[in-house]
Amino acid sequence: MRKATHFLTMLAMLCLVPLPALAAAGPPVQEWNLVTPSGQVQKPTINPAPRITSLAGKTVVVRWNGKHNGDVYAKRVAELLKQKEPAVNIILSHEADPGTAKITSTIAEAQRVSKVIMDMKPDLVIANQAD
């Protein structure tokens, strides 16, 4: 009974508002920001790092982000690289620093892991994830 009384009260209040007043308010105002894909895009020119021509005497860091079986993959990549080039120095980042074997969820954590890996002085970094 109480709900019906409340409904009837609300209906009566709506009937008291003159219709011209509702019409004068008009529809809500919408603002649009249109972006056209046909505009000119300025791309900065960057010079990529020089490419490595041989792995002999180079340091390769293989990074795993902690996902299932990625460590197995990282070890296999290290084995294959060592077979191909015995003079390569392979560092498995998760073995050198277990704190690198994680998915970074913040910029600060990504920067921390990047610094740890860069402190290993790699010539090349191979990063992997697996499931």
Protein backbone atom coordinates (compact mmCIF):
# COMPACT_ATOMS: atom_id res chain seq x y z
CA MET A 1 0.00 0.00 0.00
CA ARG A 2 2.81 2.35 0.87
CA LYS A 3 4.47 1.87 -2.56
CA ALA A 4 1.22 2.67 -4.33
CA THR A 5 0.80 5.87 -2.29
CA HIS A 6 4.37 6.91 -3.07
CA PHE A 7 3.83 6.23 -6.77
CA LEU A 8 0.60 8.24 -6.85
CA THR A 9 2.29 11.15 -5.03
CA MET A 10 5.11 11.20 -7.60
CA LEU A 11 2.61 11.02 -10.46
CA ALA A 12 0.65 13.94 -9.00
CA MET A 13 3.83 16.02 -8.69
CA LEU A 14 4.67 15.37 -12.34
CA CYS A 15 1.18 16.48 -13.35
CA LEU A 16 1.69 19.78 -11.54
CA VAL A 17 4.65 20.69 -13.77
CA PRO A 18 3.29 22.50 -16.82
CA LEU A 19 4.18 20.75 -20.08
CA PRO A 20 5.45 23.96 -21.76
CA ALA A 21 8.03 24.26 -18.96
CA LEU A 22 9.28 20.74 -19.71
CA ALA A 23 9.43 21.48 -23.44
CA ALA A 24 11.32 24.75 -22.87
CA ALA A 25 14.08 22.91 -21.02
CA GLY A 26 14.84 21.00 -24.23
CA PRO A 27 17.06 18.01 -24.60
CA PRO A 28 20.30 17.82 -22.64
CA VAL A 29 23.23 19.57 -24.28
CA GLN A 30 25.90 17.28 -25.70
CA GLU A 31 29.40 18.29 -26.66
CA TRP A 32 31.38 16.33 -29.23
CA ASN A 33 35.08 16.37 -29.98
CA LEU A 34 35.50 15.07 -33.52
CA VAL A 35 38.81 13.57 -34.55
CA THR A 36 39.51 12.88 -38.20
CA PRO A 37 41.98 10.16 -39.17
CA SER A 38 42.80 11.97 -42.41
CA GLY A 39 44.95 14.64 -40.72
CA GLN A 40 48.73 14.84 -40.97
CA VAL A 41 50.60 13.03 -38.25
CA GLN A 42 54.06 14.22 -37.34
CA LYS A 43 56.28 11.23 -36.57
CA PRO A 44 59.60 11.93 -34.92
CA THR A 45 62.64 10.52 -36.66
CA ILE A 46 64.54 8.04 -34.54
CA ASN A 47 67.73 6.17 -35.25
CA PRO A 48 67.51 2.53 -34.24
CA ALA A 49 70.35 0.90 -32.35
CA PRO A 50 73.02 -0.68 -34.52
CA ARG A 51 72.29 -4.33 -35.27
CA ILE A 52 74.49 -7.05 -33.83
CA THR A 53 76.23 -9.00 -36.58
CA SER A 54 77.56 -11.79 -34.34
CA LEU A 55 76.83 -13.10 -30.86
CA ALA A 56 80.45 -14.07 -30.27
CA GLY A 57 81.63 -12.38 -27.07
CA LYS A 58 78.25 -10.69 -26.55
CA THR A 59 76.05 -10.84 -23.45
CA VAL A 60 72.46 -11.92 -23.98
CA VAL A 61 69.95 -11.59 -21.15
CA VAL A 62 66.92 -13.85 -21.45
CA ARG A 63 64.05 -12.46 -19.38
CA TRP A 64 61.05 -14.40 -18.17
CA ASN A 65 58.04 -12.61 -16.66
CA GLY A 66 56.99 -15.42 -14.32
CA LYS A 67 54.16 -16.92 -16.40
CA HIS A 68 53.77 -20.69 -16.45
CA ASN A 69 56.45 -22.55 -18.47
CA GLY A 70 58.26 -19.38 -19.52
CA ASP A 71 61.30 -20.49 -17.54
CA VAL A 72 61.41 -23.74 -19.55
CA TYR A 73 61.30 -21.71 -22.76
CA ALA A 74 64.00 -19.30 -21.53
CA LYS A 75 66.35 -22.17 -20.67
CA ARG A 76 65.76 -23.79 -24.07
CA VAL A 77 66.49 -20.51 -25.87
CA ALA A 78 69.71 -20.21 -23.86
CA GLU A 79 70.71 -23.78 -24.80
CA LEU A 80 70.05 -23.19 -28.50
CA LEU A 81 71.97 -19.90 -28.51
CA LYS A 82 74.91 -21.55 -26.77
CA GLN A 83 74.89 -24.38 -29.34
CA LYS A 84 74.85 -21.88 -32.20
CA GLU A 85 77.51 -19.59 -30.68
CA PRO A 86 79.60 -21.11 -27.87
CA ALA A 87 81.33 -17.77 -27.18
CA VAL A 88 78.08 -16.03 -26.17
CA ASN A 89 77.50 -15.14 -22.52
CA ILE A 90 73.91 -16.03 -21.57
CA ILE A 91 72.28 -14.63 -18.43
CA LEU A 92 68.87 -15.92 -17.36
CA SER A 93 67.56 -12.88 -15.52
CA HIS A 94 65.25 -14.92 -13.27
CA GLU A 95 68.22 -16.94 -12.04
CA ALA A 96 70.51 -13.93 -11.63
CA ASP A 97 67.78 -11.95 -9.83
CA PRO A 98 64.52 -13.79 -8.98
CA GLY A 99 62.80 -10.41 -8.56
CA THR A 100 62.78 -9.97 -12.34
CA ALA A 101 60.50 -13.00 -12.85
CA LYS A 102 57.25 -11.12 -12.55
CA ILE A 103 54.68 -9.27 -14.57
CA THR A 104 55.22 -5.61 -13.82
CA SER A 105 51.96 -3.89 -13.00
CA THR A 106 53.24 -0.38 -12.34
CA ILE A 107 55.60 1.97 -14.12
CA ALA A 108 57.84 2.07 -11.06
CA GLU A 109 58.12 -1.74 -10.99
CA ALA A 110 58.80 -1.90 -14.74
CA GLN A 111 61.54 0.70 -14.32
CA ARG A 112 63.04 -1.28 -11.43
CA VAL A 113 63.13 -4.52 -13.44
CA SER A 114 64.54 -2.67 -16.47
CA LYS A 115 67.31 -1.19 -14.33
CA VAL A 116 68.21 -4.60 -12.90
CA ILE A 117 68.43 -6.02 -16.42
CA MET A 118 70.39 -3.03 -17.74
CA ASP A 119 72.85 -3.43 -14.84
CA MET A 120 73.65 -6.87 -16.30
CA LYS A 121 75.19 -4.95 -19.26
CA PRO A 122 73.43 -6.87 -22.04
CA ASP A 123 74.15 -6.44 -25.73
CA LEU A 124 70.80 -8.07 -26.43
CA VAL A 125 67.69 -8.82 -24.33
CA ILE A 126 65.24 -11.55 -25.25
CA ALA A 127 62.00 -11.31 -23.26
CA ASN A 128 59.39 -14.04 -23.22
CA GLN A 129 56.14 -15.05 -21.65
CA ALA A 130 54.36 -18.36 -21.84
CA ASP A 131 51.29 -20.19 -20.65
